[in-house]
Amino acid sequence: MDSTTQETLEDAGIGAANVLAWFANHFEGILVGVLTMIYFWYKIKKERNNAEKARIEKQFMQSQFEEWEETKTTIEDLKDKLNK
């Protein structure tokens, strides 16, 4: 192996060691950042689910109210017919 190849391999080894050292030194910050992103993603997802549930409940309650109004009108009509 000639000296240029040897130097290149040593430089690559030093570069890899530097990258590993950088990750080791910044691991806590990277971990906190990733966990924070996961937390906010979960929180946003939960809020969207709650909003969707509220929308569905509102639609259901509206349909129940409309159904009740129709029934109420029918009962009032029947009472009017009986009173005539």
Protein backbone atom coordinates (compact mmCIF):
# COMPACT_ATOMS: atom_id res chain seq x y z
CA MET A 1 0.00 0.00 0.00
CA ASP A 2 1.49 3.33 -0.96
CA SER A 3 1.63 6.34 1.35
CA THR A 4 -1.18 8.22 -0.42
CA THR A 5 -3.61 5.35 0.10
CA GLN A 6 -2.49 5.01 3.71
CA GLU A 7 -3.05 8.74 4.32
CA THR A 8 -6.47 8.59 2.64
CA LEU A 9 -7.53 5.69 4.86
CA GLU A 10 -6.25 7.47 7.95
CA ASP A 11 -8.11 10.64 6.95
CA ALA A 12 -11.28 8.63 6.39
CA GLY A 13 -10.86 6.97 9.78
CA ILE A 14 -10.30 10.32 11.46
CA GLY A 15 -13.34 11.75 9.63
CA ALA A 16 -15.52 8.84 10.75
CA ALA A 17 -14.26 9.21 14.30
CA ASN A 18 -15.04 12.93 14.19
CA VAL A 19 -18.57 12.25 12.97
CA LEU A 20 -19.13 9.70 15.76
CA ALA A 21 -17.68 12.11 18.32
CA TRP A 22 -19.96 14.89 17.07
CA PHE A 23 -23.04 12.64 17.43
CA ALA A 24 -21.89 11.55 20.87
CA ASN A 25 -21.45 15.17 21.97
CA HIS A 26 -24.78 16.27 20.51
CA PHE A 27 -26.81 13.12 21.22
CA GLU A 28 -28.78 14.66 24.09
CA GLY A 29 -29.78 17.69 22.02
CA ILE A 30 -30.72 15.55 19.04
CA LEU A 31 -32.74 13.20 21.27
CA VAL A 32 -34.56 16.09 22.94
CA GLY A 33 -35.33 17.59 19.53
CA VAL A 34 -36.70 14.32 18.15
CA LEU A 35 -38.76 13.65 21.27
CA THR A 36 -40.14 17.19 21.17
CA MET A 37 -41.19 16.76 17.54
CA ILE A 38 -42.89 13.45 18.38
CA TYR A 39 -44.67 15.04 21.35
CA PHE A 40 -46.05 17.94 19.30
CA TRP A 41 -47.00 15.62 16.42
CA TYR A 42 -48.98 13.47 18.89
CA LYS A 43 -50.57 16.54 20.49
CA ILE A 44 -51.64 17.97 17.11
CA LYS A 45 -52.98 14.57 16.03
CA LYS A 46 -54.97 14.31 19.26
CA GLU A 47 -56.42 17.81 18.79
CA ARG A 48 -57.45 16.98 15.22
CA ASN A 49 -59.15 13.79 16.40
CA ASN A 50 -60.99 15.73 19.11
CA ALA A 51 -62.12 18.33 16.57
CA GLU A 52 -63.34 15.57 14.24
CA LYS A 53 -65.26 13.91 17.09
CA ALA A 54 -66.84 17.24 18.02
CA ARG A 55 -67.87 17.82 14.41
CA ILE A 56 -69.46 14.37 14.18
CA GLU A 57 -71.25 14.85 17.50
CA LYS A 58 -72.55 18.24 16.36
CA GLN A 59 -73.89 16.72 13.13
CA PHE A 60 -75.53 13.90 15.10
CA MET A 61 -77.13 16.29 17.58
CA GLN A 62 -78.37 18.48 14.72
CA SER A 63 -79.96 15.49 12.99
CA GLN A 64 -81.53 14.37 16.29
CA PHE A 65 -82.92 17.88 16.84
CA GLU A 66 -84.37 18.01 13.32
CA GLU A 67 -85.92 14.59 13.85
CA TRP A 68 -87.38 15.73 17.16
CA GLU A 69 -88.82 18.88 15.57
CA GLU A 70 -90.50 16.78 12.87
CA THR A 71 -91.96 14.47 15.51
CA LYS A 72 -93.11 17.44 17.61
CA THR A 73 -94.83 18.97 14.59
CA THR A 74 -96.54 15.67 13.83
CA ILE A 75 -97.77 15.35 17.42
CA GLU A 76 -99.08 18.93 17.37
CA ASP A 77 -100.88 18.24 14.08
CA LEU A 78 -102.48 15.13 15.57
CA LYS A 79 -103.61 17.10 18.64
CA ASP A 80 -105.14 19.75 16.38
CA LYS A 81 -107.00 17.07 14.40
CA LEU A 82 -108.31 15.50 17.60
CA ASN A 83 -109.49 18.85 18.92
CA LYS A 84 -111.46 19.60 15.73
